[in-house]
Structure formats: structure tokens, C-alpha cells
Amino acid sequence: MINIKYPVYKPMLTGNEKRYVNECLDSTWISSKGRFVNEFENNFADYIGTKYAIGVSNGTVALHLALLALGVGEGDEVIVPTLTYIASVNAITYTGAKPVFVDSLEDTWQMDPQEIINKITDKTKAVIAVHLYGHPCEMDKIVDICKKNNLFLIEDAAEAIGSKYNNKIVGGFGDVGTFSFYGNKTITTGEGGMVVTNDDTLFDRIQHIKGQGLAKYREYWHDIIGYNYRMTNICAAIGLAQLENIQFIIEKKQKIANWYKEGLKNSEIIFHNAIGDVFHSYWMCSILVKSIKKRDLLREHLKKNGIETRPLFYPVHTMPMYSFKYEKHSVAEKLGWQGINLPSYPELNKEDVDYIVEKIKIF
């Protein structure tokens, strides 16, 4: 059995997480009521720079709620990058709408704005801009496209907490932004997510839908079919403690990315760099190798040396349930077949990264 010394990710839980969770246990407020839910929501909204933030049970339901609140449903089309985690696309399908895939830009790995323009039809209702691996999309262009074509814009910022475009934190550019706090995210609640918006009506709709469609002023009266997508007080307690340390976590991840970049700069490896006036939060430190064969051999070599890796996401248009119509998205396919995510958790030090880089370079 191979002993993994360097996992691809693990959370940093060195702040007030235990103290806040114990407060939940001592108070018996462990479900979706309690002080930590509101406090985490308010502090997160302040951090992102939006009027509202709504805590939910995970990042996938955050996307589902955003789509439902915008009225996306049967007969609608939603444009989404094919190079993304499957949740971005599944959430569209949950509503009965059709996902329409676009390719990526080769330099940033983000969705191609020109492809969005090419895919707009009279059925297009919304665009989901996914800030992949912590690098922001070209938001000026995407916002402009959506405004000109009267389309809703959802930002899937699950992988981009703290990332900035033109010095503004992502998540607040569109009608709705969504985040994930899964265990491998920049900050975590174990399982959890957040929906952010500046729109009063959307805020009310999201709150209504996520709480089983409970009427606002009448106990146990439900006036719509809703969902139980609430965040627990325990999850919010962990999230609040994590948010208190977010600046340290992001700064450390910047250091780790810079160590990788420096170590790999004279190799054939391509590192996922920040392009343009952006702040790349480096949720993952990602690289490209020459071919899928070399990618798989390198991953096996690293594994034998105690280094866990992950492949980049496979383009969703190639997966069985979404491949009923043949499509070709060459950039996304190249990235998906040749990309690797390296260990990037905050506890790594320079000696650790130097060891990983050495094993990559001697391959």
C-alpha cells in the first residue's frame, strides 16, 4: 500500500472552529437556527461586497436555488463552460432546462466570451460563468454580453473565494453568485454553500425556496413547492471561524503557487498562471503536461513518491448523460486530458513544494 504523505488537499482548522462548534453543542442549537447562521451570512456578504448572503447545505443546491429564483425551467437554455465540475451542469438539468456548452480560452482556462455570443438563441435564459480553479472569468465582456442580450448571469464561484477581477471580488458581478464550502475548498464548513445577491426580490425568493416553501407570516403553511436546502448552525460555526482566517489562508496559497511557479519555470510543464488584471486565489495549483499518456504516467510516478494528485475536470460534454449530441471543444478537451492538480493545502511549506517539484522534474 502506498503511503500518501502529501494529499492533494486538506483543510486548515486551527482557528475558532472547535470553540464555536462546542458553543453550538452546549446551547443545543445544532440545526438551522442559531446565531452562527446569521453571523456567517452577514460577514460573508460583507466580504464579497454584496447586500445579501444566504447559507445553504452545499454548493450544488446554491446553483439550483439561483436558477430556480431566476425562473429558469423547461424550454430554457443556459450557457455553461464544458470544462467545469459536473454540479454546474447538473443544476441546470434539475430545473428541466438545457445546458449549452462553450469552450475555454487557452491562456486562462475560463469560458470563451465569443463562444457565448455564438451560442445565444431565442431560448437562452441565462449564463453560468464558472471561475475555474480560482482564476476569474473575463467579467467585463460576459456582463456586457448578458446585458445586451437580456440574459441572467450566475457566477459559480465555488472555486474562487477571494479571487478578484479588476480589483473586485468575484461573486457580485452577476444577478446571483454561488459558493461551495466543501472540505477541499479555500474555506470549508464540511458541507455547505452560499448564495449571494444584491437584489431584494431574488433574496426573498431564494429564502422562500430553500426553506420548504414556508409562507412568511403563517406557521406551517407552504405556498410553493420548496426544498430543504438550509445550512446548519454547526456548519455556519465552522464557516465563521474559517472566514476569520481567510486572508491568511489565501496569502499562504499565493506563496505555495509562487513556489511551484519558481520551481517549474525552466521545465516543459505549463503552470496555470494569472492572466490580466486579476487576483488568482489558487484554489488548486494546476499544471499541464504534454499528453494524456504522460499525464497518467506522471501521476503514477508522483503517487509512488507519496504525492497525491487529481486530473483536471473532464469536459462535461464528453460524459455519457451529456454526450447524446457530438460536440467538439478542443481547448477544454486538451486541458481536461493533460491537466493535473497538485497538493496546495495551506500547511505546505517551501521544503514540501521543493520535494514535489523535484519529483516532477526528474520524471
Protein backbone atom coordinates (compact mmCIF):
# COMPACT_ATOMS: atom_id res chain seq x y z
CA MET A 1 0.00 0.00 0.00
CA ILE A 2 1.37 3.42 -0.99
CA ASN A 3 1.69 5.87 1.88
CA ILE A 4 0.44 9.31 0.79
CA LYS A 5 2.47 11.98 2.57
CA TYR A 6 1.15 14.90 0.55
CA PRO A 7 -2.63 14.78 -0.08
CA VAL A 8 -3.98 16.99 -2.82
CA TYR A 9 -5.85 18.99 -0.18
CA LYS A 10 -6.80 19.14 3.47
CA PRO A 11 -8.49 21.96 5.38
CA MET A 12 -6.76 24.19 7.90
CA LEU A 13 -8.79 24.07 11.14
CA THR A 14 -6.56 25.99 13.54
CA GLY A 15 -8.83 28.90 14.48
CA ASN A 16 -12.07 29.10 16.49
CA GLU A 17 -13.73 26.10 14.79
CA LYS A 18 -13.74 23.85 17.86
CA ARG A 19 -14.78 26.63 20.24
CA TYR A 20 -17.71 27.70 18.06
CA VAL A 21 -18.87 24.12 17.46
CA ASN A 22 -18.75 23.45 21.20
CA GLU A 23 -20.89 26.53 21.75
CA CYS A 24 -23.48 25.00 19.37
CA LEU A 25 -23.40 21.73 21.30
CA ASP A 26 -23.61 23.44 24.69
CA SER A 27 -26.53 25.60 23.57
CA THR A 28 -28.24 22.67 21.75
CA TRP A 29 -28.65 24.91 18.66
CA ILE A 30 -27.33 22.40 16.14
CA SER A 31 -29.85 22.60 13.28
CA SER A 32 -30.67 25.56 11.02
CA LYS A 33 -31.40 28.03 13.83
CA GLY A 34 -28.77 29.75 15.93
CA ARG A 35 -26.53 32.78 16.00
CA PHE A 36 -23.82 31.43 13.74
CA VAL A 37 -26.03 31.13 10.63
CA ASN A 38 -26.91 34.84 10.56
CA GLU A 39 -23.43 35.91 11.61
CA PHE A 40 -21.73 33.83 8.93
CA GLU A 41 -24.17 35.08 6.27
CA ASN A 42 -23.71 38.73 7.24
CA ASN A 43 -19.93 38.51 7.44
CA PHE A 44 -19.71 36.64 4.15
CA ALA A 45 -21.86 39.24 2.38
CA ASP A 46 -19.55 41.94 3.74
CA TYR A 47 -16.51 40.05 2.50
CA ILE A 48 -17.88 39.54 -1.02
CA GLY A 49 -19.36 43.03 -1.15
CA THR A 50 -22.99 42.06 -1.77
CA LYS A 51 -26.14 43.11 0.03
CA TYR A 52 -27.23 39.57 0.88
CA ALA A 53 -25.75 36.13 1.51
CA ILE A 54 -27.88 33.03 2.14
CA GLY A 55 -26.32 29.95 3.73
CA VAL A 56 -27.29 26.61 2.17
CA SER A 57 -26.39 22.95 2.54
CA ASN A 58 -23.86 22.73 -0.32
CA GLY A 59 -22.63 24.42 -3.48
CA THR A 60 -24.77 22.36 -5.85
CA VAL A 61 -28.02 23.41 -4.21
CA ALA A 62 -26.74 27.00 -4.25
CA LEU A 63 -26.69 26.77 -8.05
CA HIS A 64 -30.09 25.07 -8.13
CA LEU A 65 -31.60 27.81 -5.97
CA ALA A 66 -30.07 30.54 -8.13
CA LEU A 67 -31.60 29.03 -11.27
CA LEU A 68 -34.99 28.47 -9.64
CA ALA A 69 -35.09 32.01 -8.24
CA LEU A 70 -34.41 33.38 -11.74
CA GLY A 71 -37.29 31.33 -13.14
CA VAL A 72 -35.15 29.03 -15.28
CA GLY A 73 -37.08 25.93 -16.31
CA GLU A 74 -38.44 23.70 -19.05
CA GLY A 75 -37.72 25.01 -22.56
CA ASP A 76 -34.93 27.35 -21.45
CA GLU A 77 -31.27 27.12 -22.38
CA VAL A 78 -28.40 28.00 -20.05
CA ILE A 79 -24.90 28.58 -21.43
CA VAL A 80 -22.16 26.98 -19.33
CA PRO A 81 -18.50 26.04 -19.87
CA THR A 82 -17.94 22.37 -20.61
CA LEU A 83 -14.73 22.48 -18.56
CA THR A 84 -16.25 22.61 -15.09
CA TYR A 85 -17.22 20.41 -12.19
CA ILE A 86 -20.35 18.42 -13.02
CA ALA A 87 -22.52 20.31 -10.47
CA SER A 88 -22.53 23.44 -12.67
CA VAL A 89 -24.30 21.44 -15.38
CA ASN A 90 -26.41 19.07 -13.27
CA ALA A 91 -28.07 22.02 -11.54
CA ILE A 92 -29.31 23.26 -14.94
CA THR A 93 -30.71 19.82 -15.72
CA TYR A 94 -32.53 19.67 -12.36
CA THR A 95 -34.68 22.61 -13.48
CA GLY A 96 -35.64 20.98 -16.80
CA ALA A 97 -33.57 23.49 -18.77
CA LYS A 98 -30.95 22.52 -21.34
CA PRO A 99 -27.22 23.12 -20.77
CA VAL A 100 -25.46 24.61 -23.81
CA PHE A 101 -21.70 24.06 -23.70
CA VAL A 102 -18.96 26.51 -24.63
CA ASP A 103 -15.21 26.03 -24.92
CA SER A 104 -12.46 27.60 -22.85
CA LEU A 105 -9.75 30.16 -23.50
CA GLU A 106 -6.35 28.52 -23.78
CA ASP A 107 -4.48 31.03 -21.62
CA THR A 108 -6.85 31.49 -18.66
CA TRP A 109 -8.79 28.16 -18.94
CA GLN A 110 -12.02 30.16 -18.42
CA MET A 111 -15.13 30.20 -20.65
CA ASP A 112 -14.66 31.91 -24.01
CA PRO A 113 -16.86 35.06 -24.27
CA GLN A 114 -17.00 34.83 -28.07
CA GLU A 115 -18.37 31.30 -27.76
CA ILE A 116 -21.13 32.63 -25.50
CA ILE A 117 -22.16 35.05 -28.26
CA ASN A 118 -22.11 32.23 -30.81
CA LYS A 119 -24.39 30.01 -28.70
CA ILE A 120 -27.15 32.51 -27.85
CA THR A 121 -30.59 31.60 -29.23
CA ASP A 122 -34.11 32.81 -28.58
CA LYS A 123 -34.30 30.11 -25.87
CA THR A 124 -31.24 31.29 -23.94
CA LYS A 125 -32.27 32.43 -20.45
CA ALA A 126 -29.00 32.64 -18.52
CA VAL A 127 -25.23 32.23 -18.49
CA ILE A 128 -23.29 30.48 -15.73
CA ALA A 129 -19.76 31.91 -15.52
CA VAL A 130 -17.57 29.43 -13.65
CA HIS A 131 -14.40 30.89 -12.13
CA LEU A 132 -12.42 27.71 -12.65
CA TYR A 133 -9.67 26.74 -10.18
CA GLY A 134 -9.63 30.24 -8.71
CA HIS A 135 -8.94 32.24 -11.88
CA PRO A 136 -11.69 34.78 -12.70
CA CYS A 137 -13.56 34.79 -15.99
CA GLU A 138 -13.47 37.87 -18.26
CA MET A 139 -16.32 39.50 -16.40
CA ASP A 140 -16.46 42.83 -18.28
CA LYS A 141 -17.11 41.01 -21.54
CA ILE A 142 -19.52 38.48 -20.04
CA VAL A 143 -21.54 41.12 -18.15
CA ASP A 144 -21.77 43.19 -21.34
CA ILE A 145 -22.95 40.18 -23.38
CA CYS A 146 -25.63 39.36 -20.82
CA LYS A 147 -26.88 42.95 -20.64
CA LYS A 148 -27.04 43.36 -24.42
CA ASN A 149 -28.94 40.09 -24.80
CA ASN A 150 -31.19 40.45 -21.73
CA LEU A 151 -29.76 37.32 -20.10
CA PHE A 152 -29.41 36.48 -16.43
CA LEU A 153 -25.87 35.97 -15.14
CA ILE A 154 -24.96 33.48 -12.43
CA GLU A 155 -21.41 33.33 -11.12
CA ASP A 156 -20.30 29.90 -9.96
CA ALA A 157 -17.51 30.98 -7.62
CA ALA A 158 -17.28 27.68 -5.75
CA GLU A 159 -13.56 27.50 -6.53
CA ALA A 160 -12.83 31.22 -6.34
CA ILE A 161 -13.45 32.55 -2.85
CA GLY A 162 -11.34 35.69 -2.63
CA SER A 163 -10.47 35.88 -6.34
CA LYS A 164 -10.68 39.34 -7.90
CA TYR A 165 -11.39 40.75 -11.33
CA ASN A 166 -10.32 44.39 -11.81
CA ASN A 167 -9.80 44.56 -8.05
CA LYS A 168 -13.37 43.46 -7.25
CA ILE A 169 -14.05 40.15 -5.52
CA VAL A 170 -15.93 37.74 -7.77
CA GLY A 171 -19.46 36.66 -6.93
CA GLY A 172 -21.10 40.07 -7.09
CA PHE A 173 -20.85 40.82 -10.83
CA GLY A 174 -23.96 38.91 -11.86
CA ASP A 175 -27.56 38.62 -10.72
CA VAL A 176 -26.59 35.82 -8.34
CA GLY A 177 -23.31 34.32 -7.15
CA THR A 178 -22.82 30.87 -5.63
CA PHE A 179 -20.10 29.37 -3.45
CA SER A 180 -19.15 25.98 -2.05
CA PHE A 181 -17.62 25.18 1.33
CA TYR A 182 -16.86 21.50 0.74
CA GLY A 183 -13.87 20.12 2.65
CA ASN A 184 -11.39 20.85 -0.15
CA LYS A 185 -12.45 24.45 -0.75
CA THR A 186 -10.44 27.51 0.30
CA ILE A 187 -12.65 27.82 3.37
CA THR A 188 -14.86 24.96 4.47
CA THR A 189 -17.88 24.08 6.57
CA GLY A 190 -17.51 20.35 5.83
CA GLU A 191 -20.51 20.51 3.53
CA GLY A 192 -22.12 23.85 2.79
CA GLY A 193 -22.64 26.65 0.34
CA MET A 194 -23.72 30.26 -0.03
CA VAL A 195 -25.86 32.24 -2.47
CA VAL A 196 -25.15 35.97 -2.77
CA THR A 197 -27.13 38.72 -4.47
CA ASN A 198 -27.83 42.45 -4.38
CA ASP A 199 -31.45 42.00 -5.48
CA ASP A 200 -34.18 42.21 -2.81
CA THR A 201 -36.67 40.10 -4.77
CA LEU A 202 -34.15 37.36 -5.54
CA PHE A 203 -33.12 37.29 -1.89
CA ASP A 204 -36.74 36.77 -0.81
CA ARG A 205 -37.29 34.08 -3.47
CA ILE A 206 -34.15 32.15 -2.51
CA GLN A 207 -35.03 32.25 1.20
CA HIS A 208 -38.56 31.07 0.40
CA ILE A 209 -37.50 28.19 -1.84
CA LYS A 210 -34.69 26.91 0.41
CA GLY A 211 -36.98 26.61 3.46
CA GLN A 212 -39.59 24.16 2.11
CA GLY A 213 -41.65 26.99 0.62
CA LEU A 214 -42.84 28.06 4.07
CA ALA A 215 -45.10 31.11 3.99
CA LYS A 216 -43.56 34.13 5.69
CA TYR A 217 -46.39 35.08 8.04
CA ARG A 218 -48.26 31.82 8.67
CA GLU A 219 -46.91 28.86 10.62
CA TYR A 220 -46.75 25.51 8.82
CA TRP A 221 -48.35 26.99 5.70
CA HIS A 222 -46.47 26.26 2.49
CA ASP A 223 -47.46 28.21 -0.61
CA ILE A 224 -44.90 26.82 -3.10
CA ILE A 225 -43.06 23.54 -3.59
CA GLY A 226 -39.77 24.26 -1.86
CA TYR A 227 -36.67 22.38 -0.77
CA ASN A 228 -34.83 21.75 2.48
CA TYR A 229 -31.56 23.39 1.47
CA ARG A 230 -30.75 25.08 4.79
CA MET A 231 -27.33 25.35 6.41
CA THR A 232 -26.93 24.07 9.97
CA ASN A 233 -25.70 26.20 12.84
CA ILE A 234 -22.76 23.81 13.30
CA CYS A 235 -21.68 24.23 9.67
CA ALA A 236 -22.06 28.00 9.97
CA ALA A 237 -19.98 27.98 13.16
CA ILE A 238 -17.13 26.28 11.31
CA GLY A 239 -17.60 28.65 8.37
CA LEU A 240 -17.43 31.73 10.55
CA ALA A 241 -14.19 30.54 12.14
CA GLN A 242 -12.78 29.81 8.67
CA LEU A 243 -13.80 33.22 7.37
CA GLU A 244 -11.89 34.84 10.23
CA ASN A 245 -8.70 33.30 8.80
CA ILE A 246 -9.42 33.66 5.09
CA GLN A 247 -6.77 36.29 4.45
CA PHE A 248 -4.05 34.12 5.97
CA ILE A 249 -5.23 31.06 4.01
CA ILE A 250 -5.27 32.91 0.68
CA GLU A 251 -1.89 34.55 1.31
CA LYS A 252 -0.37 31.14 2.10
CA LYS A 253 -1.87 29.65 -1.07
CA GLN A 254 -0.28 32.50 -3.04
CA LYS A 255 3.09 31.57 -1.58
CA ILE A 256 2.59 27.92 -2.48
CA ALA A 257 1.66 28.82 -6.06
CA ASN A 258 4.73 31.06 -6.36
CA TRP A 259 6.99 28.27 -5.06
CA TYR A 260 5.60 25.92 -7.71
CA LYS A 261 5.96 28.55 -10.44
CA GLU A 262 9.56 29.28 -9.49
CA GLY A 263 10.46 25.61 -9.28
CA LEU A 264 8.89 24.67 -12.61
CA LYS A 265 9.81 27.74 -14.68
CA ASN A 266 12.61 26.06 -16.67
CA SER A 267 10.71 22.84 -17.34
CA GLU A 268 8.28 21.77 -20.06
CA ILE A 269 5.45 21.94 -17.51
CA ILE A 270 2.90 24.75 -18.02
CA PHE A 271 1.67 26.28 -14.77
CA HIS A 272 -1.80 27.84 -14.55
CA ASN A 273 -0.81 31.49 -14.22
CA ALA A 274 -2.92 34.58 -13.59
CA ILE A 275 -3.69 36.42 -16.85
CA GLY A 276 -4.80 40.07 -16.96
CA ASP A 277 -5.93 42.37 -14.16
CA VAL A 278 -6.99 39.55 -11.87
CA PHE A 279 -6.18 38.09 -8.49
CA HIS A 280 -5.95 34.29 -8.85
CA SER A 281 -6.72 32.73 -5.46
CA TYR A 282 -5.25 29.37 -6.48
CA TRP A 283 -7.89 27.07 -5.08
CA MET A 284 -5.77 24.45 -6.79
CA CYS A 285 -2.24 24.68 -8.17
CA SER A 286 -2.67 23.19 -11.63
CA ILE A 287 -0.28 22.22 -14.40
CA LEU A 288 -0.40 20.96 -17.98
CA VAL A 289 1.83 18.22 -19.37
CA LYS A 290 2.45 17.26 -22.99
CA SER A 291 -0.07 14.43 -23.39
CA ILE A 292 -2.66 12.33 -21.60
CA LYS A 293 -0.24 9.38 -21.60
CA LYS A 294 2.46 11.47 -19.94
CA ARG A 295 -0.12 12.94 -17.54
CA ASP A 296 -1.15 9.50 -16.30
CA LEU A 297 2.43 8.25 -16.04
CA LEU A 298 3.44 11.37 -14.10
CA ARG A 299 0.52 10.95 -11.71
CA GLU A 300 1.52 7.34 -11.06
CA HIS A 301 5.15 8.37 -10.53
CA LEU A 302 4.12 11.04 -8.02
CA LYS A 303 1.80 8.64 -6.22
CA LYS A 304 4.69 6.18 -5.74
CA ASN A 305 6.56 9.04 -4.10
CA GLY A 306 3.74 9.79 -1.66
CA ILE A 307 2.26 12.70 -3.63
CA GLU A 308 -1.48 12.64 -4.35
CA THR A 309 -2.76 14.45 -7.45
CA ARG A 310 -6.06 14.86 -9.30
CA PRO A 311 -6.79 15.19 -13.01
CA LEU A 312 -8.42 18.40 -14.19
CA PHE A 313 -12.16 18.08 -14.70
CA TYR A 314 -13.14 16.10 -17.77
CA PRO A 315 -15.24 18.24 -20.14
CA VAL A 316 -18.88 17.59 -19.33
CA HIS A 317 -19.90 17.26 -22.99
CA THR A 318 -17.85 14.02 -23.09
CA MET A 319 -19.76 12.35 -20.23
CA PRO A 320 -22.41 9.74 -21.10
CA MET A 321 -25.50 11.66 -19.96
CA TYR A 322 -24.45 14.81 -21.83
CA SER A 323 -22.85 13.33 -24.96
CA PHE A 324 -26.03 12.45 -26.89
CA LYS A 325 -25.06 15.08 -29.48
CA TYR A 326 -21.50 15.03 -30.79
CA GLU A 327 -19.63 18.22 -29.90
CA LYS A 328 -16.01 19.26 -30.19
CA HIS A 329 -14.49 21.71 -27.71
CA SER A 330 -10.81 21.36 -28.44
CA VAL A 331 -9.33 23.63 -25.75
CA ALA A 332 -11.41 22.12 -22.94
CA GLU A 333 -10.54 18.64 -24.16
CA LYS A 334 -6.82 19.41 -24.25
CA LEU A 335 -6.93 20.85 -20.73
CA GLY A 336 -9.08 18.01 -19.42
CA TRP A 337 -6.82 15.30 -20.82
CA GLN A 338 -3.46 16.90 -19.95
CA GLY A 339 -4.06 18.74 -16.67
CA ILE A 340 -3.07 17.82 -13.12
CA ASN A 341 -3.92 19.39 -9.77
CA LEU A 342 -1.03 19.34 -7.31
CA PRO A 343 -1.13 19.46 -3.49
CA SER A 344 -1.98 23.03 -2.47
CA TYR A 345 -3.19 22.97 1.14
CA PRO A 346 -2.11 25.79 3.48
CA GLU A 347 0.10 23.66 5.74
CA LEU A 348 2.60 23.01 2.93
CA ASN A 349 5.97 24.72 3.37
CA LYS A 350 8.67 25.50 0.81
CA GLU A 351 10.59 22.30 1.53
CA ASP A 352 7.44 20.27 0.80
CA VAL A 353 6.86 22.06 -2.51
CA ASP A 354 10.54 21.73 -3.44
CA TYR A 355 10.27 17.96 -2.90
CA ILE A 356 7.15 17.74 -5.11
CA VAL A 357 8.78 19.87 -7.82
CA GLU A 358 11.91 17.70 -7.72
CA LYS A 359 9.83 14.56 -8.27
CA ILE A 360 8.03 16.21 -11.19
CA LYS A 361 11.24 17.37 -12.83
CA ILE A 362 13.09 14.02 -12.57
CA PHE A 363 10.21 12.18 -14.23
